[in-house]
Amino acid sequence: APPAAGPGKVAQSSPLQHSFLTDVSDVREMEGGLLNLLNDFHSGKLQAFGKVCSFEQLEHVREMQEKLARLHFSLDSHVEELSEDQKKSASDHNLEHLLCNVVHQNVYRQKLHLAENQELPKT
């Protein structure tokens, strides 16, 4: 047993040790599993978002979101340059413009979601 610490002294214990996999068969099994996973990915067998939703469609959603963010900041900067009388009207118009873009994005995402959840006819 380690000696008890006196007043003002810290008890020293043995440091925690991490055990690494040293069994070659375990490492080879994990390596084989990872290589199979990589092959499945490259062959197209892995479908994280299903077969209906492609990476191109997901990229399109990301691009729409980025476009909306840029639009939001650009419209906001234009309003700051206006007089007080024009700000209210411009802000209302900008809000309507942004909301139309949000609705457009929601419709696109809903179509992807619905297509993903519908059972595709078997050919």
Protein backbone atom coordinates (compact mmCIF):
# COMPACT_ATOMS: atom_id res chain seq x y z
CA ALA A 1 0.00 0.00 0.00
CA PRO A 2 1.30 3.49 -0.80
CA PRO A 3 2.29 5.57 2.21
CA ALA A 4 -0.32 8.03 3.45
CA ALA A 5 0.33 11.65 2.64
CA GLY A 6 1.12 13.89 5.54
CA PRO A 7 -0.05 17.49 5.88
CA GLY A 8 0.94 19.51 2.80
CA LYS A 9 2.15 16.45 0.89
CA VAL A 10 0.52 14.83 -2.11
CA ALA A 11 0.30 11.06 -2.27
CA GLN A 12 2.10 9.76 -5.33
CA SER A 13 0.45 6.90 -7.13
CA SER A 14 1.64 4.96 -10.10
CA PRO A 15 0.72 6.67 -13.38
CA LEU A 16 -2.14 5.27 -15.44
CA GLN A 17 -1.00 3.24 -18.37
CA HIS A 18 -2.78 2.80 -21.67
CA SER A 19 -2.79 -0.64 -23.18
CA PHE A 20 -2.36 -0.77 -26.94
CA LEU A 21 -3.39 -3.60 -29.18
CA THR A 22 -0.34 -5.71 -29.58
CA ASP A 23 -1.93 -8.89 -30.83
CA VAL A 24 -1.16 -9.03 -34.55
CA SER A 25 -4.32 -10.98 -35.33
CA ASP A 26 -6.51 -8.24 -33.77
CA VAL A 27 -4.73 -5.55 -35.77
CA ARG A 28 -5.08 -7.53 -39.00
CA GLU A 29 -8.78 -8.13 -38.32
CA MET A 30 -9.36 -4.41 -37.80
CA GLU A 31 -7.31 -3.57 -40.87
CA GLY A 32 -9.36 -6.03 -42.96
CA GLY A 33 -12.60 -4.52 -41.70
CA LEU A 34 -11.44 -1.00 -42.54
CA LEU A 35 -10.29 -2.08 -46.00
CA ASN A 36 -13.68 -3.72 -46.64
CA LEU A 37 -15.38 -0.51 -45.54
CA LEU A 38 -13.18 1.51 -47.88
CA ASN A 39 -13.93 -0.85 -50.79
CA ASP A 40 -17.67 -0.63 -50.09
CA PHE A 41 -17.40 3.16 -50.09
CA HIS A 42 -15.53 3.29 -53.40
CA SER A 43 -17.85 0.77 -55.05
CA GLY A 44 -20.96 2.75 -54.09
CA LYS A 45 -22.37 0.12 -51.75
CA LEU A 46 -22.43 2.58 -48.87
CA GLN A 47 -25.44 4.85 -49.09
CA ALA A 48 -25.42 7.15 -46.07
CA PHE A 49 -28.33 9.11 -47.50
CA GLY A 50 -29.99 6.36 -49.45
CA LYS A 51 -29.92 5.69 -53.15
CA VAL A 52 -32.26 8.54 -54.04
CA CYS A 53 -30.22 11.37 -52.53
CA SER A 54 -26.94 11.94 -54.33
CA PHE A 55 -23.92 13.93 -53.20
CA GLU A 56 -24.71 16.39 -55.99
CA GLN A 57 -28.12 17.05 -54.46
CA LEU A 58 -26.60 17.49 -51.01
CA GLU A 59 -24.02 19.83 -52.47
CA HIS A 60 -26.84 21.80 -54.11
CA VAL A 61 -28.52 22.20 -50.69
CA ARG A 62 -25.24 23.44 -49.21
CA GLU A 63 -24.79 25.90 -52.09
CA MET A 64 -28.33 27.22 -51.60
CA GLN A 65 -27.65 27.75 -47.90
CA GLU A 66 -24.40 29.57 -48.63
CA LYS A 67 -26.14 31.72 -51.24
CA LEU A 68 -28.84 32.61 -48.72
CA ALA A 69 -26.22 33.60 -46.14
CA ARG A 70 -24.41 35.81 -48.66
CA LEU A 71 -27.69 37.38 -49.72
CA HIS A 72 -28.63 38.07 -46.11
CA PHE A 73 -25.38 39.88 -45.39
CA SER A 74 -25.39 41.81 -48.66
CA LEU A 75 -28.99 42.99 -48.21
CA ASP A 76 -28.27 44.00 -44.65
CA SER A 77 -25.26 46.07 -45.67
CA HIS A 78 -27.33 47.89 -48.32
CA VAL A 79 -29.98 48.86 -45.76
CA GLU A 80 -27.40 50.53 -43.52
CA GLU A 81 -26.54 52.94 -46.36
CA LEU A 82 -30.15 54.17 -46.70
CA SER A 83 -31.86 57.04 -44.95
CA GLU A 84 -34.11 56.33 -41.98
CA ASP A 85 -37.24 56.78 -44.14
CA GLN A 86 -36.11 54.17 -46.65
CA LYS A 87 -34.83 51.61 -44.11
CA LYS A 88 -38.24 50.26 -43.06
CA SER A 89 -39.43 49.69 -46.62
CA ALA A 90 -36.11 48.18 -47.69
CA SER A 91 -36.00 45.93 -44.62
CA ASP A 92 -39.51 44.65 -45.32
CA HIS A 93 -38.62 43.98 -48.96
CA ASN A 94 -35.38 42.22 -47.97
CA LEU A 95 -37.16 40.08 -45.40
CA GLU A 96 -39.71 39.01 -48.02
CA HIS A 97 -36.88 38.21 -50.46
CA LEU A 98 -35.02 36.14 -47.85
CA LEU A 99 -38.17 34.27 -46.81
CA CYS A 100 -38.87 33.35 -50.44
CA ASN A 101 -35.39 31.86 -50.64
CA VAL A 102 -35.92 29.95 -47.38
CA VAL A 103 -39.23 28.56 -48.68
CA HIS A 104 -37.52 27.51 -51.92
CA GLN A 105 -34.84 25.68 -49.93
CA ASN A 106 -37.43 24.00 -47.71
CA VAL A 107 -39.38 22.77 -50.73
CA TYR A 108 -36.22 21.30 -52.24
CA ARG A 109 -35.24 19.60 -48.97
CA GLN A 110 -38.77 18.26 -48.48
CA LYS A 111 -38.69 16.75 -51.97
CA LEU A 112 -35.41 15.02 -51.11
CA HIS A 113 -36.84 13.81 -47.82
CA LEU A 114 -40.03 12.51 -49.42
CA ALA A 115 -38.13 10.79 -52.21
CA GLU A 116 -35.91 9.18 -49.59
CA ASN A 117 -38.85 7.85 -47.60
CA GLN A 118 -40.91 6.57 -50.54
CA GLU A 119 -40.41 3.01 -51.55
CA LEU A 120 -39.02 2.95 -55.05
CA PRO A 121 -40.78 0.66 -57.54
CA LYS A 122 -38.81 -2.48 -58.24
CA THR A 123 -37.82 -2.98 -61.85
